[in-house]
Amino acid sequence: MQLPGPGVFGPPRDRATALAVARRAVDLGVDHIDTAQYYGPDVANQLLREALYPFPEELALVSKVGAARDEKGGWLPAARPEQLRSGVLDNLRSLGVPQLHAVNLRLADAARGEPAVTFDEQLDAMIAIRDEGLIAGIGLSNVTLDRVRHALERTEIVCVQNPLNLVDRSSMPVLQFCREREIAFVPFFPLGSAFGGSNRVLGHPDLIATATRVGATPAQVALAWVLALAPNTLLIPGTASLAHLDENLAAGSVSLDDQALTTLNAVSA
C-alpha cells in the first residue's frame, strides 16, 4: 500500500527505492505480500511485477477486491458480483499471474445511490471465482465476527484481514475466533493509520517508554506486541523505505518480557 504515491495514488516519489524495497523484502525471507489493483491504481502491482517477476514459488500474493478509485484518487465501492470478478481479473492482469493465492473480499458501506448487494451475493461471486481456479483461497477484510461465522457456513475462509493495533482492539474477538478455527488473521494498520496525521500508536507514552527500556524502536515494539497476541497472526506493515523495512523485519526478534506485556496490555484507546 505504501509503494505508490501519496494517498496510495499515482506513481511513487522514488521508483528505484520502491523497486528496491520489494526486492529486499523477498531477499530477506518475506513470503507474503499484501497488495491490490486499486493501489495506484495498478501502480503497486506493476512495481511488484517489475521487481520480482517471475515470482518465487514460495511467495504468496494476496490481494483484495471491493473497492475502486476515481480520477482524483477518491475511494469508491465496487462490491457487486461483476465488479468483484473484474477486480480479480484486473489483479491477475497487472501482476501477470494465472492465479492468486488468496483474495480478500473487503467489505464497506455502499455509496449513496449504488444498488444494494447482499453479503451472500458477494460470497457467491467469490466462491465461483475460486472454483474457476482464478484464486486459491477466499479471505475477508473489514468484517464483523457474525459475518465471519456466516461465511464459514458457506465456504472455507483462509484469512481474515481487519484493523488491529495497540490502541484499536475492536477486532480482538475476531482474532480469537480465527485462532480457534486455525484461520490466518492479518492485522492491517498494526502501526496505526497509514495515511499520516497524529499517530496514537507510535506516539503513545507507554509504548515509547517500553521501547526505551527494551532497547528497540516504538514501531518494533508495537509490531512485536501484535505478533505476541496469537500464533496465527500475519503482519503486513507497509513501507516505502529500505530502513523502515529492515526495522519492521527486526521486530520479529524483539522479545517482550512480562513487564512490557503487562504495560502494553493495559493501554486503552
C-alpha atoms as a PDB file:
ATOM      1  CA  MET A   1       0.000   0.000   0.000  1.00  0.00           C
ATOM      2  CA  GLN A   2       2.934   2.341   0.599  1.00  0.00           C
ATOM      3  CA  LEU A   3       4.683   1.702  -2.726  1.00  0.00           C
ATOM      4  CA  PRO A   4       2.548   4.066  -4.880  1.00  0.00           C
ATOM      5  CA  GLY A   5       2.457   7.834  -4.445  1.00  0.00           C
ATOM      6  CA  PRO A   6       0.846   9.873  -1.650  1.00  0.00           C
ATOM      7  CA  GLY A   7      -2.637   8.719  -0.738  1.00  0.00           C
ATOM      8  CA  VAL A   8      -1.912   5.350  -2.394  1.00  0.00           C
ATOM      9  CA  PHE A   9      -2.425   7.101  -5.722  1.00  0.00           C
ATOM     10  CA  GLY A  10      -0.203   7.615  -8.733  1.00  0.00           C
ATOM     11  CA  PRO A  11       3.491   6.806  -9.169  1.00  0.00           C
ATOM     12  CA  PRO A  12       5.921   6.574  -6.240  1.00  0.00           C
ATOM     13  CA  ARG A  13       8.059   9.521  -5.233  1.00  0.00           C
ATOM     14  CA  ASP A  14      11.136   7.368  -5.861  1.00  0.00           C
ATOM     15  CA  ARG A  15      10.583   4.475  -8.252  1.00  0.00           C
ATOM     16  CA  ALA A  16      14.041   2.973  -7.750  1.00  0.00           C
ATOM     17  CA  THR A  17      13.526   2.824  -3.984  1.00  0.00           C
ATOM     18  CA  ALA A  18      10.063   1.288  -4.344  1.00  0.00           C
ATOM     19  CA  LEU A  19      11.510  -1.488  -6.502  1.00  0.00           C
ATOM     20  CA  ALA A  20      14.406  -1.971  -4.095  1.00  0.00           C
ATOM     21  CA  VAL A  21      12.019  -2.318  -1.129  1.00  0.00           C
ATOM     22  CA  ALA A  22      10.087  -5.118  -2.851  1.00  0.00           C
ATOM     23  CA  ARG A  23      13.259  -6.959  -3.833  1.00  0.00           C
ATOM     24  CA  ARG A  24      14.910  -6.626  -0.434  1.00  0.00           C
ATOM     25  CA  ALA A  25      11.782  -7.841   1.357  1.00  0.00           C
ATOM     26  CA  VAL A  26      11.798 -11.101  -0.604  1.00  0.00           C
ATOM     27  CA  ASP A  27      15.584 -11.428  -0.324  1.00  0.00           C
ATOM     28  CA  LEU A  28      15.199 -11.230   3.471  1.00  0.00           C
ATOM     29  CA  GLY A  29      12.609 -14.002   3.544  1.00  0.00           C
ATOM     30  CA  VAL A  30       9.242 -12.265   3.268  1.00  0.00           C
ATOM     31  CA  ASP A  31       6.880 -14.785   1.667  1.00  0.00           C
ATOM     32  CA  HIS A  32       3.515 -12.983   1.943  1.00  0.00           C
ATOM     33  CA  ILE A  33       2.800  -9.734   0.093  1.00  0.00           C
ATOM     34  CA  ASP A  34      -0.481  -7.888   0.526  1.00  0.00           C
ATOM     35  CA  THR A  35      -1.439  -5.796  -2.499  1.00  0.00           C
ATOM     36  CA  ALA A  36      -4.417  -4.604  -4.548  1.00  0.00           C
ATOM     37  CA  GLN A  37      -5.016  -3.478  -8.099  1.00  0.00           C
ATOM     38  CA  TYR A  38      -6.648  -0.296  -6.812  1.00  0.00           C
ATOM     39  CA  TYR A  39      -3.426   0.708  -5.037  1.00  0.00           C
ATOM     40  CA  GLY A  40      -2.349   3.274  -7.573  1.00  0.00           C
ATOM     41  CA  PRO A  41      -4.471   2.030  -9.344  1.00  0.00           C
ATOM     42  CA  ASP A  42      -2.251  -0.644 -10.922  1.00  0.00           C
ATOM     43  CA  VAL A  43       0.900   1.049  -9.581  1.00  0.00           C
ATOM     44  CA  ALA A  44       1.625  -1.319  -6.679  1.00  0.00           C
ATOM     45  CA  ASN A  45       1.051  -4.426  -8.779  1.00  0.00           C
ATOM     46  CA  GLN A  46       3.153  -3.104 -11.658  1.00  0.00           C
ATOM     47  CA  LEU A  47       6.010  -2.302  -9.270  1.00  0.00           C
ATOM     48  CA  LEU A  48       5.836  -5.782  -7.751  1.00  0.00           C
ATOM     49  CA  ARG A  49       5.828  -7.339 -11.198  1.00  0.00           C
ATOM     50  CA  GLU A  50       8.806  -5.291 -12.352  1.00  0.00           C
ATOM     51  CA  ALA A  51      10.739  -6.020  -9.169  1.00  0.00           C
ATOM     52  CA  LEU A  52      10.001  -9.699  -8.662  1.00  0.00           C
ATOM     53  CA  TYR A  53       8.720 -11.361 -11.836  1.00  0.00           C
ATOM     54  CA  PRO A  54       8.874 -14.286 -12.255  1.00  0.00           C
ATOM     55  CA  PHE A  55       7.566 -14.507  -8.713  1.00  0.00           C
ATOM     56  CA  PRO A  56       9.216 -17.098  -6.427  1.00  0.00           C
ATOM     57  CA  GLU A  57       7.103 -20.211  -5.965  1.00  0.00           C
ATOM     58  CA  GLU A  58       7.069 -19.766  -2.178  1.00  0.00           C
ATOM     59  CA  LEU A  59       5.812 -16.166  -2.375  1.00  0.00           C
ATOM     60  CA  ALA A  60       2.111 -15.804  -1.527  1.00  0.00           C
ATOM     61  CA  LEU A  61       0.493 -12.941  -3.427  1.00  0.00           C
ATOM     62  CA  VAL A  62      -2.672 -11.851  -1.647  1.00  0.00           C
ATOM     63  CA  SER A  63      -4.947  -9.149  -2.970  1.00  0.00           C
ATOM     64  CA  LYS A  64      -8.373  -7.712  -2.285  1.00  0.00           C
ATOM     65  CA  VAL A  65     -11.483  -6.623  -4.147  1.00  0.00           C
ATOM     66  CA  GLY A  66     -14.476  -4.498  -3.267  1.00  0.00           C
ATOM     67  CA  ALA A  67     -13.108  -1.018  -3.972  1.00  0.00           C
ATOM     68  CA  ALA A  68     -12.022   1.190  -6.852  1.00  0.00           C
ATOM     69  CA  ARG A  69     -10.589   4.684  -7.384  1.00  0.00           C
ATOM     70  CA  ASP A  70     -11.860   7.735  -9.199  1.00  0.00           C
ATOM     71  CA  GLU A  71      -9.728  10.010 -11.380  1.00  0.00           C
ATOM     72  CA  LYS A  72      -8.725  12.119  -8.373  1.00  0.00           C
ATOM     73  CA  GLY A  73      -7.788   9.186  -6.165  1.00  0.00           C
ATOM     74  CA  GLY A  74     -11.040   9.016  -4.227  1.00  0.00           C
ATOM     75  CA  TRP A  75     -12.100   5.634  -2.876  1.00  0.00           C
ATOM     76  CA  LEU A  76     -15.227   4.084  -4.410  1.00  0.00           C
ATOM     77  CA  PRO A  77     -17.098   0.880  -3.584  1.00  0.00           C
ATOM     78  CA  ALA A  78     -17.007  -1.872  -6.194  1.00  0.00           C
ATOM     79  CA  ALA A  79     -18.976  -4.532  -4.405  1.00  0.00           C
ATOM     80  CA  ARG A  80     -21.338  -6.001  -6.992  1.00  0.00           C
ATOM     81  CA  PRO A  81     -20.571  -9.549  -8.171  1.00  0.00           C
ATOM     82  CA  GLU A  82     -19.470  -8.451 -11.639  1.00  0.00           C
ATOM     83  CA  GLN A  83     -17.189  -5.835 -10.068  1.00  0.00           C
ATOM     84  CA  LEU A  84     -15.614  -8.426  -7.764  1.00  0.00           C
ATOM     85  CA  ARG A  85     -14.837 -10.658 -10.729  1.00  0.00           C
ATOM     86  CA  SER A  86     -13.490  -7.724 -12.704  1.00  0.00           C
ATOM     87  CA  GLY A  87     -11.306  -6.793  -9.732  1.00  0.00           C
ATOM     88  CA  VAL A  88      -9.772 -10.264  -9.604  1.00  0.00           C
ATOM     89  CA  LEU A  89      -9.125 -10.228 -13.353  1.00  0.00           C
ATOM     90  CA  ASP A  90      -7.506  -6.786 -13.067  1.00  0.00           C
ATOM     91  CA  ASN A  91      -5.173  -8.114 -10.368  1.00  0.00           C
ATOM     92  CA  LEU A  92      -4.212 -11.126 -12.460  1.00  0.00           C
ATOM     93  CA  ARG A  93      -3.570  -8.882 -15.469  1.00  0.00           C
ATOM     94  CA  SER A  94      -1.456  -6.322 -13.660  1.00  0.00           C
ATOM     95  CA  LEU A  95       0.583  -8.941 -11.791  1.00  0.00           C
ATOM     96  CA  GLY A  96       0.900 -11.232 -14.800  1.00  0.00           C
ATOM     97  CA  VAL A  97      -0.105 -14.403 -12.963  1.00  0.00           C
ATOM     98  CA  PRO A  98      -2.790 -17.049 -13.684  1.00  0.00           C
ATOM     99  CA  GLN A  99      -3.887 -17.388 -10.068  1.00  0.00           C
ATOM    100  CA  LEU A 100      -3.672 -15.504  -6.766  1.00  0.00           C
ATOM    101  CA  HIS A 101      -3.008 -17.371  -3.541  1.00  0.00           C
ATOM    102  CA  ALA A 102      -5.891 -15.574  -1.829  1.00  0.00           C
ATOM    103  CA  VAL A 103      -8.167 -12.602  -2.425  1.00  0.00           C
ATOM    104  CA  ASN A 104      -9.888 -10.749   0.381  1.00  0.00           C
ATOM    105  CA  LEU A 105     -13.446  -9.571  -0.045  1.00  0.00           C
ATOM    106  CA  ARG A 106     -13.199  -6.114   1.519  1.00  0.00           C
ATOM    107  CA  LEU A 107     -16.497  -5.023   2.990  1.00  0.00           C
ATOM    108  CA  ALA A 108     -17.509  -1.389   3.137  1.00  0.00           C
ATOM    109  CA  ASP A 109     -20.662   0.692   3.175  1.00  0.00           C
ATOM    110  CA  ALA A 110     -22.163   1.102  -0.273  1.00  0.00           C
ATOM    111  CA  ALA A 111     -22.015   4.576  -1.772  1.00  0.00           C
ATOM    112  CA  ARG A 112     -25.232   6.571  -1.783  1.00  0.00           C
ATOM    113  CA  GLY A 113     -27.364   5.597  -4.724  1.00  0.00           C
ATOM    114  CA  GLU A 114     -25.460   2.411  -5.563  1.00  0.00           C
ATOM    115  CA  PRO A 115     -27.660  -0.702  -5.915  1.00  0.00           C
ATOM    116  CA  ALA A 116     -27.570  -2.786  -2.752  1.00  0.00           C
ATOM    117  CA  VAL A 117     -25.794  -6.107  -2.796  1.00  0.00           C
ATOM    118  CA  THR A 118     -26.057  -8.742  -0.097  1.00  0.00           C
ATOM    119  CA  PHE A 119     -23.163 -10.436   1.628  1.00  0.00           C
ATOM    120  CA  ASP A 120     -24.382 -13.784   0.295  1.00  0.00           C
ATOM    121  CA  GLU A 121     -24.335 -12.469  -3.266  1.00  0.00           C
ATOM    122  CA  GLN A 122     -20.751 -11.376  -2.728  1.00  0.00           C
ATOM    123  CA  LEU A 123     -19.840 -14.768  -1.272  1.00  0.00           C
ATOM    124  CA  ASP A 124     -21.494 -16.479  -4.243  1.00  0.00           C
ATOM    125  CA  ALA A 125     -19.263 -14.458  -6.563  1.00  0.00           C
ATOM    126  CA  MET A 126     -16.089 -15.197  -4.601  1.00  0.00           C
ATOM    127  CA  ILE A 127     -16.889 -18.929  -4.431  1.00  0.00           C
ATOM    128  CA  ALA A 128     -17.447 -19.021  -8.190  1.00  0.00           C
ATOM    129  CA  ILE A 129     -14.164 -17.180  -8.815  1.00  0.00           C
ATOM    130  CA  ARG A 130     -12.305 -19.652  -6.599  1.00  0.00           C
ATOM    131  CA  ASP A 131     -13.963 -22.674  -8.159  1.00  0.00           C
ATOM    132  CA  GLU A 132     -12.941 -21.345 -11.568  1.00  0.00           C
ATOM    133  CA  GLY A 133      -9.332 -21.505 -10.381  1.00  0.00           C
ATOM    134  CA  LEU A 134      -8.570 -17.791 -10.536  1.00  0.00           C
ATOM    135  CA  ILE A 135      -7.853 -17.689  -6.803  1.00  0.00           C
ATOM    136  CA  ALA A 136      -6.750 -20.426  -4.441  1.00  0.00           C
ATOM    137  CA  GLY A 137      -8.498 -19.117  -1.328  1.00  0.00           C
ATOM    138  CA  ILE A 138     -11.118 -16.644  -0.149  1.00  0.00           C
ATOM    139  CA  GLY A 139     -10.383 -14.087   2.545  1.00  0.00           C
ATOM    140  CA  LEU A 140     -12.471 -11.440   4.259  1.00  0.00           C
ATOM    141  CA  SER A 141     -11.471  -7.909   5.169  1.00  0.00           C
ATOM    142  CA  ASN A 142     -13.045  -5.264   7.405  1.00  0.00           C
ATOM    143  CA  VAL A 143     -15.508  -7.861   8.622  1.00  0.00           C
ATOM    144  CA  THR A 144     -17.550  -8.483  11.756  1.00  0.00           C
ATOM    145  CA  LEU A 145     -17.417 -11.681  13.766  1.00  0.00           C
ATOM    146  CA  ASP A 146     -21.002 -12.533  12.770  1.00  0.00           C
ATOM    147  CA  ARG A 147     -20.086 -12.287   9.114  1.00  0.00           C
ATOM    148  CA  VAL A 148     -17.021 -14.483   9.567  1.00  0.00           C
ATOM    149  CA  ARG A 149     -19.237 -17.098  11.189  1.00  0.00           C
ATOM    150  CA  HIS A 150     -21.807 -16.787   8.416  1.00  0.00           C
ATOM    151  CA  ALA A 151     -19.187 -17.075   5.690  1.00  0.00           C
ATOM    152  CA  LEU A 152     -17.811 -20.264   7.246  1.00  0.00           C
ATOM    153  CA  GLU A 153     -21.263 -21.802   6.936  1.00  0.00           C
ATOM    154  CA  ARG A 154     -20.969 -21.240   3.188  1.00  0.00           C
ATOM    155  CA  THR A 155     -17.320 -21.924   2.366  1.00  0.00           C
ATOM    156  CA  GLU A 156     -13.746 -22.200   3.616  1.00  0.00           C
ATOM    157  CA  ILE A 157     -12.119 -18.912   4.615  1.00  0.00           C
ATOM    158  CA  VAL A 158      -8.315 -18.874   4.544  1.00  0.00           C
ATOM    159  CA  CYS A 159      -7.640 -15.464   6.102  1.00  0.00           C
ATOM    160  CA  VAL A 160      -9.327 -12.513   7.786  1.00  0.00           C
ATOM    161  CA  GLN A 161      -7.871  -9.025   7.471  1.00  0.00           C
ATOM    162  CA  ASN A 162      -9.049  -6.428   9.995  1.00  0.00           C
ATOM    163  CA  PRO A 163      -7.526  -3.379  11.664  1.00  0.00           C
ATOM    164  CA  LEU A 164      -5.780  -4.190  14.936  1.00  0.00           C
ATOM    165  CA  ASN A 165      -3.086  -2.404  16.875  1.00  0.00           C
ATOM    166  CA  LEU A 166      -2.139  -1.272  20.358  1.00  0.00           C
ATOM    167  CA  VAL A 167      -4.965   1.275  20.625  1.00  0.00           C
ATOM    168  CA  ASP A 168      -7.547  -0.281  18.290  1.00  0.00           C
ATOM    169  CA  ARG A 169      -8.500  -3.678  19.666  1.00  0.00           C
ATOM    170  CA  SER A 170     -12.044  -3.845  18.318  1.00  0.00           C
ATOM    171  CA  SER A 171     -11.132  -6.928  16.275  1.00  0.00           C
ATOM    172  CA  MET A 172      -9.786  -8.955  19.194  1.00  0.00           C
ATOM    173  CA  PRO A 173     -12.881 -11.230  19.248  1.00  0.00           C
ATOM    174  CA  VAL A 174     -12.371 -11.872  15.526  1.00  0.00           C
ATOM    175  CA  LEU A 175      -8.704 -12.690  16.122  1.00  0.00           C
ATOM    176  CA  GLN A 176      -9.594 -15.136  18.900  1.00  0.00           C
ATOM    177  CA  PHE A 177     -12.255 -16.807  16.749  1.00  0.00           C
ATOM    178  CA  CYS A 178      -9.805 -17.154  13.858  1.00  0.00           C
ATOM    179  CA  ARG A 179      -7.238 -18.658  16.210  1.00  0.00           C
ATOM    180  CA  GLU A 180      -9.753 -21.264  17.359  1.00  0.00           C
ATOM    181  CA  ARG A 181     -10.611 -22.110  13.732  1.00  0.00           C
ATOM    182  CA  GLU A 182      -6.961 -22.040  12.559  1.00  0.00           C
ATOM    183  CA  ILE A 183      -7.634 -19.188  10.141  1.00  0.00           C
ATOM    184  CA  ALA A 184      -4.841 -16.720   9.434  1.00  0.00           C
ATOM    185  CA  PHE A 185      -5.523 -13.294  10.953  1.00  0.00           C
ATOM    186  CA  VAL A 186      -3.907 -10.418   9.081  1.00  0.00           C
ATOM    187  CA  PRO A 187      -3.984  -7.175  11.098  1.00  0.00           C
ATOM    188  CA  PHE A 188      -3.763  -4.080   8.944  1.00  0.00           C
ATOM    189  CA  PHE A 189      -2.604  -0.715  10.285  1.00  0.00           C
ATOM    190  CA  PRO A 190      -0.560  -2.502  13.004  1.00  0.00           C
ATOM    191  CA  LEU A 191       1.353   0.764  13.473  1.00  0.00           C
ATOM    192  CA  GLY A 192      -1.714   2.986  13.273  1.00  0.00           C
ATOM    193  CA  SER A 193      -3.136   4.608  10.171  1.00  0.00           C
ATOM    194  CA  ALA A 194      -1.042   4.608   7.012  1.00  0.00           C
ATOM    195  CA  PHE A 195      -2.373   7.999   5.948  1.00  0.00           C
ATOM    196  CA  GLY A 196      -0.321  10.347   8.115  1.00  0.00           C
ATOM    197  CA  GLY A 197      -1.506  12.755  10.783  1.00  0.00           C
ATOM    198  CA  SER A 198      -1.258  12.183  14.513  1.00  0.00           C
ATOM    199  CA  ASN A 199      -0.420   8.556  15.258  1.00  0.00           C
ATOM    200  CA  ARG A 200      -1.953   7.347  18.514  1.00  0.00           C
ATOM    201  CA  VAL A 201       0.067   4.132  18.376  1.00  0.00           C
ATOM    202  CA  LEU A 202       3.627   5.310  17.816  1.00  0.00           C
ATOM    203  CA  GLY A 203       3.091   8.400  19.939  1.00  0.00           C
ATOM    204  CA  HIS A 204       1.716   6.548  22.962  1.00  0.00           C
ATOM    205  CA  PRO A 205       3.884   7.293  26.029  1.00  0.00           C
ATOM    206  CA  ASP A 206       3.692   3.738  27.395  1.00  0.00           C
ATOM    207  CA  LEU A 207       4.893   2.372  24.065  1.00  0.00           C
ATOM    208  CA  ILE A 208       7.756   4.866  23.914  1.00  0.00           C
ATOM    209  CA  ALA A 209       8.811   4.104  27.489  1.00  0.00           C
ATOM    210  CA  THR A 210       8.700   0.354  26.880  1.00  0.00           C
ATOM    211  CA  ALA A 211      10.718   0.683  23.680  1.00  0.00           C
ATOM    212  CA  THR A 212      13.381   2.675  25.504  1.00  0.00           C
ATOM    213  CA  ARG A 213      13.585   0.084  28.280  1.00  0.00           C
ATOM    214  CA  VAL A 214      13.871  -2.965  25.990  1.00  0.00           C
ATOM    215  CA  GLY A 215      16.238  -1.280  23.530  1.00  0.00           C
ATOM    216  CA  ALA A 216      14.008  -1.283  20.457  1.00  0.00           C
ATOM    217  CA  THR A 217      12.129   1.326  18.441  1.00  0.00           C
ATOM    218  CA  PRO A 218       8.477   2.117  19.195  1.00  0.00           C
ATOM    219  CA  ALA A 219       7.491   0.628  15.828  1.00  0.00           C
ATOM    220  CA  GLN A 220       9.311  -2.618  16.587  1.00  0.00           C
ATOM    221  CA  VAL A 221       7.652  -2.935  19.990  1.00  0.00           C
ATOM    222  CA  ALA A 222       4.221  -2.176  18.526  1.00  0.00           C
ATOM    223  CA  LEU A 223       4.713  -4.917  15.922  1.00  0.00           C
ATOM    224  CA  ALA A 224       6.138  -7.358  18.463  1.00  0.00           C
ATOM    225  CA  TRP A 225       3.086  -6.802  20.669  1.00  0.00           C
ATOM    226  CA  VAL A 226       0.733  -7.680  17.802  1.00  0.00           C
ATOM    227  CA  LEU A 227       2.804 -10.760  16.950  1.00  0.00           C
ATOM    228  CA  ALA A 228       2.628 -11.897  20.582  1.00  0.00           C
ATOM    229  CA  LEU A 229      -1.184 -11.926  20.545  1.00  0.00           C
ATOM    230  CA  ALA A 230      -1.592 -15.204  18.677  1.00  0.00           C
ATOM    231  CA  PRO A 231       0.417 -17.619  16.516  1.00  0.00           C
ATOM    232  CA  ASN A 232      -1.948 -17.216  13.539  1.00  0.00           C
ATOM    233  CA  THR A 233      -1.040 -13.524  13.131  1.00  0.00           C
ATOM    234  CA  LEU A 234       0.475 -12.458   9.798  1.00  0.00           C
ATOM    235  CA  LEU A 235       1.735  -8.887   9.948  1.00  0.00           C
ATOM    236  CA  ILE A 236       1.586  -6.579   6.916  1.00  0.00           C
ATOM    237  CA  PRO A 237       3.295  -3.330   7.966  1.00  0.00           C
ATOM    238  CA  GLY A 238       3.671  -1.246   4.824  1.00  0.00           C
ATOM    239  CA  THR A 239       6.748   0.794   3.999  1.00  0.00           C
ATOM    240  CA  ALA A 240       8.310   2.676   1.124  1.00  0.00           C
ATOM    241  CA  SER A 241      11.676   2.882   2.895  1.00  0.00           C
ATOM    242  CA  LEU A 242      14.511   0.376   2.993  1.00  0.00           C
ATOM    243  CA  ALA A 243      15.419   1.495   6.511  1.00  0.00           C
ATOM    244  CA  HIS A 244      11.848   1.010   7.760  1.00  0.00           C
ATOM    245  CA  LEU A 245      11.675  -2.369   6.036  1.00  0.00           C
ATOM    246  CA  ASP A 246      14.727  -3.557   7.949  1.00  0.00           C
ATOM    247  CA  GLU A 247      13.325  -2.074  11.163  1.00  0.00           C
ATOM    248  CA  ASN A 248       9.977  -3.806  10.688  1.00  0.00           C
ATOM    249  CA  LEU A 249      11.504  -7.194   9.938  1.00  0.00           C
ATOM    250  CA  ALA A 250      13.740  -6.946  13.001  1.00  0.00           C
ATOM    251  CA  ALA A 251      10.588  -6.714  15.130  1.00  0.00           C
ATOM    252  CA  GLY A 252      10.295 -10.484  14.780  1.00  0.00           C
ATOM    253  CA  SER A 253      13.274 -10.912  17.098  1.00  0.00           C
ATOM    254  CA  VAL A 254      12.146  -8.386  19.717  1.00  0.00           C
ATOM    255  CA  SER A 255      11.302 -10.243  22.928  1.00  0.00           C
ATOM    256  CA  LEU A 256       8.743  -8.599  25.188  1.00  0.00           C
ATOM    257  CA  ASP A 257       9.135  -9.545  28.848  1.00  0.00           C
ATOM    258  CA  ASP A 258       6.319  -9.767  31.374  1.00  0.00           C
ATOM    259  CA  GLN A 259       6.709  -6.125  32.373  1.00  0.00           C
ATOM    260  CA  ALA A 260       6.431  -4.975  28.764  1.00  0.00           C
ATOM    261  CA  LEU A 261       3.383  -7.130  28.076  1.00  0.00           C
ATOM    262  CA  THR A 262       1.656  -6.008  31.276  1.00  0.00           C
ATOM    263  CA  THR A 263       2.250  -2.359  30.421  1.00  0.00           C
ATOM    264  CA  LEU A 264       1.171  -2.664  26.800  1.00  0.00           C
ATOM    265  CA  ASN A 265      -1.829  -4.875  27.522  1.00  0.00           C
ATOM    266  CA  ALA A 266      -3.108  -2.181  29.865  1.00  0.00           C
ATOM    267  CA  VAL A 267      -3.043   0.500  27.150  1.00  0.00           C
ATOM    268  CA  SER A 268      -6.519   1.681  26.203  1.00  0.00           C
ATOM    269  CA  ALA A 269      -7.780   3.653  23.224  1.00  0.00           C
END
